[in-house]
Amino acid sequence: MSGRMTALVTGANGELGHALIARLVEEGSRDVIAIDLREPDASIASKCAQVIVGDVTQRTTFEQVNPSARVDSVFHLAALLSTASEKNPERAQSVNVDGLIQALTFAMAHSARVDRRVKVLFPSSIAAYGVASLEAKSALGAANETQASEPTTMYGLNKRYGEQLGCYFSERYRQLSTEANPPGVDFRSIRYPGIISAFTLPTGGTSDYLPEYLHAAAQGKPYACFVRGDTRVPFMAMPDAVRALLMLEKAAPETLTQRVYNVTACNPTPVEFSKLLQKALPPAALSFDVSAARQRIVDSWPEQLDDQAARKDWGWAPTMGLDEMVNEYLLPNVVARYAR
């Protein structure tokens, strides 16, 4: 290792992992260690000071981190996503909860080595909400971080508990331990809406109906959407998702009034999204083949997120609304992908 500070990224092979590592390398101020269950893509591995192939639920995976590394932040992105979690709740519990415990435990122990609190950045999700009905969803409007906090899915339960677990490690575990205390963990979490990337393929998340439609349209293929045309939940572009995570990581501790923050950018329905695509890609045919199970999930999420706390505490604001996201980021890059 170079002796510089190091960012540790779990779930390096995922959509967010790809984009985050590229940004960290571009910034150039830290080394990067990547962890994933599978060998990371060459495009990722070549940028990292160390690559670890292993299961985040196992302590031995974190024990492989180079002993000379000086980790100042752990970006714990590894997760089993919403649809897969509903199919295999036992595996979801293991990956989404036990994996986080291992990341927090590593950060706690490592803080003694670097003699400073180690930040743990945890992407939470809109799935951490649970709205009882469409009528309640309409009445709720933009939900803040404390409202409708009874998730209805395994993934949502895992994420909500993960938020609370991180707060415990940050605020209570260090003080209550009877052993000699290391400096400890500084846990920070973002509740993301659906995230759309122009450069990685959707991986089966419950909010992937918009990116799936985008990729189909760019190839001239029709798309059958698995939720209703009037379904409204929030989204943001991948570059803004990465930027938000790094903004929160870099925020001075004294400016933060909470440990979990909403961020958002826009909230189009599939029909509204389709109208934008069809202006640029007239064959972008959209039909509907609604999955009752997936529809129930998105109906339990707020139609918008209140991100005023993030705006006030650490200056968050998206750089792309719906038009910019589609016309300046998504369409040029996805169309170019398939043209090649």
Protein backbone atom coordinates (compact mmCIF):
# COMPACT_ATOMS: atom_id res chain seq x y z
CA MET A 1 0.00 0.00 0.00
CA SER A 2 1.10 3.59 -0.63
CA GLY A 3 0.73 4.90 2.92
CA ARG A 4 -2.14 7.16 1.89
CA MET A 5 -5.59 6.86 3.41
CA THR A 6 -7.75 4.17 1.84
CA ALA A 7 -11.42 3.79 0.91
CA LEU A 8 -12.78 0.26 1.33
CA VAL A 9 -15.69 -0.55 -1.01
CA THR A 10 -17.82 -3.69 -0.58
CA GLY A 11 -20.16 -4.75 -3.36
CA ALA A 12 -17.62 -3.40 -5.83
CA ASN A 13 -19.16 -5.23 -8.80
CA GLY A 14 -22.57 -3.59 -8.42
CA GLU A 15 -23.88 -0.58 -10.33
CA LEU A 16 -23.12 1.84 -7.51
CA GLY A 17 -19.78 0.14 -6.82
CA HIS A 18 -18.60 0.63 -10.39
CA ALA A 19 -19.53 4.30 -10.42
CA LEU A 20 -18.16 5.03 -6.93
CA ILE A 21 -14.77 3.40 -7.54
CA ALA A 22 -14.39 5.29 -10.82
CA ARG A 23 -15.06 8.57 -8.98
CA LEU A 24 -12.70 7.73 -6.09
CA VAL A 25 -9.92 6.91 -8.54
CA GLU A 26 -10.64 10.10 -10.48
CA GLU A 27 -10.30 12.14 -7.28
CA GLY A 28 -6.94 10.46 -6.71
CA SER A 29 -6.50 11.29 -3.04
CA ARG A 30 -6.88 7.74 -1.65
CA ASP A 31 -6.13 4.14 -2.45
CA VAL A 32 -9.14 1.87 -3.02
CA ILE A 33 -9.68 -1.67 -1.74
CA ALA A 34 -12.54 -3.57 -3.41
CA ILE A 35 -14.49 -6.49 -1.94
CA ASP A 36 -17.01 -8.56 -3.87
CA LEU A 37 -18.34 -12.10 -3.87
CA ARG A 38 -17.17 -12.42 -7.48
CA GLU A 39 -13.93 -11.39 -9.14
CA PRO A 40 -14.48 -7.73 -10.02
CA ASP A 41 -14.50 -6.64 -13.65
CA ALA A 42 -11.07 -5.85 -15.02
CA SER A 43 -12.14 -2.22 -15.38
CA ILE A 44 -12.62 -2.10 -11.61
CA ALA A 45 -9.81 -4.39 -10.45
CA SER A 46 -7.15 -2.48 -12.38
CA LYS A 47 -7.99 0.70 -10.48
CA CYS A 48 -7.70 -0.80 -7.00
CA ALA A 49 -4.73 -1.18 -4.68
CA GLN A 50 -6.20 -4.50 -3.48
CA VAL A 51 -9.04 -6.75 -4.59
CA ILE A 52 -10.60 -9.27 -2.21
CA VAL A 53 -12.97 -11.95 -3.48
CA GLY A 54 -15.05 -13.05 -0.54
CA ASP A 55 -18.36 -13.11 1.31
CA VAL A 56 -19.05 -9.99 3.38
CA THR A 57 -20.92 -12.09 5.93
CA GLN A 58 -17.62 -13.72 6.92
CA ARG A 59 -15.11 -12.00 9.19
CA THR A 60 -12.29 -13.75 7.33
CA THR A 61 -13.09 -11.64 4.26
CA PHE A 62 -12.35 -8.41 6.11
CA GLU A 63 -9.30 -9.97 7.73
CA GLN A 64 -7.74 -10.11 4.26
CA VAL A 65 -7.51 -6.31 4.11
CA ASN A 66 -3.84 -5.40 3.77
CA PRO A 67 -2.55 -4.81 7.33
CA SER A 68 -0.67 -1.71 6.18
CA ALA A 69 -3.83 -0.08 4.77
CA ARG A 70 -5.10 3.03 6.57
CA VAL A 71 -8.83 2.87 5.94
CA ASP A 72 -10.66 6.08 6.73
CA SER A 73 -14.02 5.18 5.14
CA VAL A 74 -15.88 1.93 4.48
CA PHE A 75 -18.48 2.22 1.71
CA HIS A 76 -20.63 -0.80 2.47
CA LEU A 77 -22.55 -1.30 -0.78
CA ALA A 78 -22.90 -5.09 -0.73
CA ALA A 79 -26.58 -6.08 -0.61
CA LEU A 80 -29.18 -8.52 -1.87
CA LEU A 81 -31.71 -6.31 -3.66
CA SER A 82 -35.44 -6.10 -3.10
CA THR A 83 -36.85 -8.64 -5.53
CA ALA A 84 -34.19 -11.25 -4.73
CA SER A 85 -34.68 -10.63 -1.01
CA GLU A 86 -38.39 -11.42 -1.29
CA LYS A 87 -37.52 -14.73 -2.94
CA ASN A 88 -34.89 -15.68 -0.35
CA PRO A 89 -35.39 -13.85 2.95
CA GLU A 90 -32.90 -16.03 4.82
CA ARG A 91 -30.13 -15.12 2.39
CA ALA A 92 -31.26 -11.49 2.50
CA GLN A 93 -30.91 -11.43 6.28
CA SER A 94 -27.43 -12.89 6.00
CA VAL A 95 -26.14 -10.53 3.31
CA ASN A 96 -27.95 -7.35 4.31
CA VAL A 97 -27.64 -7.58 8.09
CA ASP A 98 -24.76 -9.93 8.92
CA GLY A 99 -22.66 -8.30 6.19
CA LEU A 100 -23.24 -4.88 7.71
CA ILE A 101 -22.31 -6.15 11.18
CA GLN A 102 -19.02 -7.44 9.79
CA ALA A 103 -18.33 -4.08 8.10
CA LEU A 104 -19.10 -2.18 11.30
CA THR A 105 -17.01 -4.56 13.39
CA PHE A 106 -14.09 -4.15 11.00
CA ALA A 107 -14.42 -0.36 11.13
CA MET A 108 -14.53 -0.39 14.93
CA ALA A 109 -11.37 -2.50 15.20
CA HIS A 110 -9.58 -0.60 12.44
CA SER A 111 -10.24 2.74 14.13
CA ALA A 112 -7.72 1.75 16.80
CA ARG A 113 -5.09 1.12 14.12
CA VAL A 114 -5.52 4.54 12.49
CA ASP A 115 -6.34 6.30 15.79
CA ARG A 116 -9.42 8.03 14.38
CA ARG A 117 -13.08 7.28 13.91
CA VAL A 118 -13.68 5.29 10.73
CA LYS A 119 -16.66 6.38 8.65
CA VAL A 120 -19.10 3.74 7.46
CA LEU A 121 -21.24 4.89 4.53
CA PHE A 122 -24.38 2.79 4.15
CA PRO A 123 -26.72 3.12 1.15
CA SER A 124 -30.20 2.65 2.53
CA SER A 125 -33.31 2.69 0.37
CA ILE A 126 -36.79 4.02 -0.15
CA ALA A 127 -37.76 0.43 0.68
CA ALA A 128 -37.21 1.37 4.34
CA TYR A 129 -40.63 3.05 4.15
CA GLY A 130 -43.98 1.32 4.40
CA VAL A 131 -47.15 3.13 3.34
CA ALA A 132 -50.38 1.30 4.10
CA SER A 133 -52.43 2.16 1.00
CA LEU A 134 -52.51 4.25 -2.17
CA GLU A 135 -54.77 6.70 -0.36
CA ALA A 136 -52.23 7.02 2.45
CA LYS A 137 -49.45 7.40 -0.12
CA SER A 138 -51.26 10.28 -1.82
CA ALA A 139 -51.96 11.97 1.52
CA LEU A 140 -48.36 11.56 2.69
CA GLY A 141 -46.75 13.29 -0.29
CA ALA A 142 -43.03 13.85 0.30
CA ALA A 143 -41.93 11.69 3.24
CA ASN A 144 -39.20 12.80 5.63
CA GLU A 145 -36.85 10.39 7.37
CA THR A 146 -39.16 9.69 10.33
CA GLN A 147 -42.48 9.09 8.58
CA ALA A 148 -44.07 5.80 7.46
CA SER A 149 -41.16 3.84 8.87
CA GLU A 150 -42.73 0.36 8.88
CA PRO A 151 -41.33 -1.39 5.79
CA THR A 152 -43.33 -4.19 4.20
CA THR A 153 -40.53 -6.14 2.46
CA MET A 154 -37.56 -8.17 3.65
CA TYR A 155 -35.17 -5.78 1.92
CA GLY A 156 -36.87 -2.80 3.53
CA LEU A 157 -36.76 -4.43 6.96
CA ASN A 158 -33.05 -5.16 6.50
CA LYS A 159 -32.30 -1.59 5.44
CA ARG A 160 -34.32 -0.03 8.26
CA TYR A 161 -32.60 -2.26 10.81
CA GLY A 162 -29.26 -1.49 9.18
CA GLU A 163 -29.84 2.21 9.76
CA GLN A 164 -30.60 1.58 13.42
CA LEU A 165 -27.67 -0.82 13.79
CA GLY A 166 -25.27 1.79 12.42
CA CYS A 167 -26.60 4.40 14.81
CA TYR A 168 -26.08 1.97 17.70
CA PHE A 169 -22.46 1.30 16.73
CA SER A 170 -21.82 5.03 16.39
CA GLU A 171 -23.57 6.36 19.44
CA ARG A 172 -23.83 3.61 22.07
CA TYR A 173 -21.63 0.58 21.49
CA ARG A 174 -18.38 2.52 21.81
CA GLN A 175 -19.41 4.21 25.06
CA LEU A 176 -20.95 1.13 26.73
CA SER A 177 -18.15 -1.32 25.98
CA THR A 178 -16.35 -2.43 29.14
CA GLU A 179 -13.12 -3.00 27.22
CA ALA A 180 -10.63 -0.32 26.23
CA ASN A 181 -12.50 1.69 23.62
CA PRO A 182 -11.09 2.38 20.16
CA PRO A 183 -12.02 5.76 18.60
CA GLY A 184 -15.06 4.09 17.04
CA VAL A 185 -17.41 4.29 14.07
CA ASP A 186 -18.91 7.34 12.37
CA PHE A 187 -21.97 5.87 10.60
CA ARG A 188 -23.68 7.86 7.83
CA SER A 189 -26.52 6.62 5.64
CA ILE A 190 -28.41 7.81 2.56
CA ARG A 191 -31.93 6.67 1.75
CA TYR A 192 -31.78 6.45 -2.01
CA PRO A 193 -34.71 6.51 -4.41
CA GLY A 194 -34.49 4.38 -7.56
CA ILE A 195 -31.11 4.93 -9.23
CA ILE A 196 -30.66 4.88 -13.01
CA SER A 197 -27.23 4.35 -14.59
CA ALA A 198 -26.32 4.89 -18.25
CA PHE A 199 -23.31 2.59 -18.05
CA THR A 200 -24.34 -0.57 -16.19
CA LEU A 201 -27.26 -2.86 -16.86
CA PRO A 202 -30.17 -3.06 -14.39
CA THR A 203 -29.87 -6.04 -12.05
CA GLY A 204 -33.45 -6.92 -11.14
CA GLY A 205 -34.30 -4.31 -8.52
CA THR A 206 -37.95 -3.46 -7.96
CA SER A 207 -37.39 0.07 -9.32
CA ASP A 208 -35.58 -1.20 -12.43
CA TYR A 209 -38.61 -0.81 -14.71
CA LEU A 210 -37.41 2.58 -15.99
CA PRO A 211 -33.81 1.51 -16.76
CA GLU A 212 -35.06 -1.78 -18.29
CA TYR A 213 -37.37 0.23 -20.57
CA LEU A 214 -34.54 2.61 -21.47
CA HIS A 215 -32.21 -0.21 -22.54
CA ALA A 216 -34.97 -1.91 -24.52
CA ALA A 217 -35.88 1.33 -26.31
CA ALA A 218 -32.25 2.03 -27.23
CA GLN A 219 -32.18 -1.38 -28.96
CA GLY A 220 -35.45 -0.78 -30.78
CA LYS A 221 -37.24 -3.41 -28.70
CA PRO A 222 -40.71 -3.09 -27.13
CA TYR A 223 -40.92 -3.22 -23.35
CA ALA A 224 -43.62 -4.62 -21.09
CA CYS A 225 -43.50 -2.68 -17.83
CA PHE A 226 -44.09 -4.71 -14.65
CA VAL A 227 -45.87 -1.86 -12.79
CA ARG A 228 -48.86 0.31 -13.67
CA GLY A 229 -48.40 3.35 -15.89
CA ASP A 230 -49.46 5.73 -13.11
CA THR A 231 -46.94 4.39 -10.56
CA ARG A 232 -45.06 7.30 -9.05
CA VAL A 233 -41.90 6.87 -6.96
CA PRO A 234 -38.70 8.97 -6.85
CA PHE A 235 -35.57 8.43 -8.95
CA MET A 236 -32.15 9.94 -9.50
CA ALA A 237 -29.24 9.55 -11.91
CA MET A 238 -26.20 7.51 -10.90
CA PRO A 239 -23.75 10.46 -11.02
CA ASP A 240 -25.88 12.33 -8.49
CA ALA A 241 -26.14 9.20 -6.31
CA VAL A 242 -22.34 8.93 -6.17
CA ARG A 243 -21.93 12.67 -5.63
CA ALA A 244 -24.40 12.59 -2.73
CA LEU A 245 -22.57 9.70 -1.06
CA LEU A 246 -19.23 11.50 -1.28
CA MET A 247 -20.73 14.79 -0.12
CA LEU A 248 -22.12 13.09 2.97
CA GLU A 249 -18.81 11.34 3.59
CA LYS A 250 -16.89 14.63 3.44
CA ALA A 251 -19.35 16.64 5.56
CA ALA A 252 -17.92 17.91 8.85
CA PRO A 253 -19.39 15.93 11.78
CA GLU A 254 -20.56 19.07 13.54
CA THR A 255 -22.82 19.99 10.58
CA LEU A 256 -24.78 16.72 10.71
CA THR A 257 -27.99 16.68 12.72
CA GLN A 258 -28.90 13.06 11.93
CA ARG A 259 -27.29 9.87 10.64
CA VAL A 260 -29.82 8.94 7.94
CA TYR A 261 -30.63 11.34 5.10
CA ASN A 262 -33.03 11.27 2.18
CA VAL A 263 -31.88 12.39 -1.27
CA THR A 264 -33.94 12.60 -4.46
CA ALA A 265 -34.22 14.29 -7.84
CA CYS A 266 -37.46 13.51 -9.73
CA ASN A 267 -40.45 11.17 -9.64
CA PRO A 268 -41.80 10.30 -13.11
CA THR A 269 -44.43 7.70 -13.84
CA PRO A 270 -43.62 5.13 -16.55
CA VAL A 271 -45.96 7.00 -18.91
CA GLU A 272 -44.20 10.33 -18.28
CA PHE A 273 -40.81 8.70 -18.78
CA SER A 274 -42.06 7.10 -22.00
CA LYS A 275 -43.10 10.45 -23.47
CA LEU A 276 -39.53 11.74 -23.09
CA LEU A 277 -38.01 8.61 -24.61
CA GLN A 278 -40.38 8.62 -27.55
CA LYS A 279 -39.34 12.13 -28.53
CA ALA A 280 -35.82 10.82 -29.17
CA LEU A 281 -36.61 7.18 -29.92
CA PRO A 282 -40.00 7.00 -31.67
CA PRO A 283 -40.06 3.16 -31.69
CA ALA A 284 -39.84 3.12 -27.86
CA ALA A 285 -43.01 1.04 -27.51
CA LEU A 286 -44.33 0.64 -23.97
CA SER A 287 -46.93 -1.86 -22.80
CA PHE A 288 -47.83 -3.19 -19.37
CA ASP A 289 -47.63 -6.67 -17.85
CA VAL A 290 -48.11 -5.84 -14.19
CA SER A 291 -46.54 -8.07 -11.55
CA ALA A 292 -48.88 -8.00 -8.54
CA ALA A 293 -46.02 -8.73 -6.13
CA ARG A 294 -43.76 -5.96 -7.45
CA GLN A 295 -46.66 -3.53 -7.69
CA ARG A 296 -47.45 -4.05 -4.01
CA ILE A 297 -43.87 -3.19 -3.17
CA VAL A 298 -43.70 0.10 -5.09
CA ASP A 299 -47.17 1.06 -3.86
CA SER A 300 -45.76 0.88 -0.31
CA TRP A 301 -43.09 3.49 -1.12
CA PRO A 302 -43.71 7.25 -0.91
CA GLU A 303 -44.31 9.07 -4.18
CA GLN A 304 -41.64 11.59 -3.21
CA LEU A 305 -38.89 12.03 -0.58
CA ASP A 306 -38.34 15.11 1.55
CA ASP A 307 -34.59 15.77 1.40
CA GLN A 308 -34.54 19.14 3.15
CA ALA A 309 -32.28 17.86 5.94
CA ALA A 310 -29.56 16.89 3.44
CA ARG A 311 -29.92 20.23 1.66
CA LYS A 312 -29.59 22.13 4.94
CA ASP A 313 -26.88 20.08 6.68
CA TRP A 314 -24.45 19.33 3.84
CA GLY A 315 -25.56 21.35 0.84
CA TRP A 316 -27.17 18.58 -1.18
CA ALA A 317 -29.01 19.37 -4.41
CA PRO A 318 -29.30 17.21 -7.54
CA THR A 319 -27.58 18.38 -10.70
CA MET A 320 -30.09 16.58 -12.93
CA GLY A 321 -33.85 16.76 -12.93
CA LEU A 322 -35.91 14.49 -15.16
CA ASP A 323 -35.26 16.29 -18.46
CA GLU A 324 -31.50 16.60 -17.86
CA MET A 325 -31.24 13.02 -16.66
CA VAL A 326 -32.95 11.64 -19.77
CA ASN A 327 -31.72 13.99 -22.49
CA GLU A 328 -28.20 14.85 -21.32
CA TYR A 329 -27.11 11.72 -19.46
CA LEU A 330 -29.16 8.61 -20.20
CA LEU A 331 -30.07 8.81 -23.88
CA PRO A 332 -26.70 9.86 -25.34
CA ASN A 333 -24.78 7.20 -23.42
CA VAL A 334 -27.21 4.29 -23.74
CA VAL A 335 -27.83 4.93 -27.44
CA ALA A 336 -24.06 5.06 -28.02
CA ARG A 337 -23.66 1.77 -26.14
CA TYR A 338 -25.90 -0.11 -28.57
CA ALA A 339 -24.67 1.74 -31.64
CA ARG A 340 -21.27 0.19 -30.97
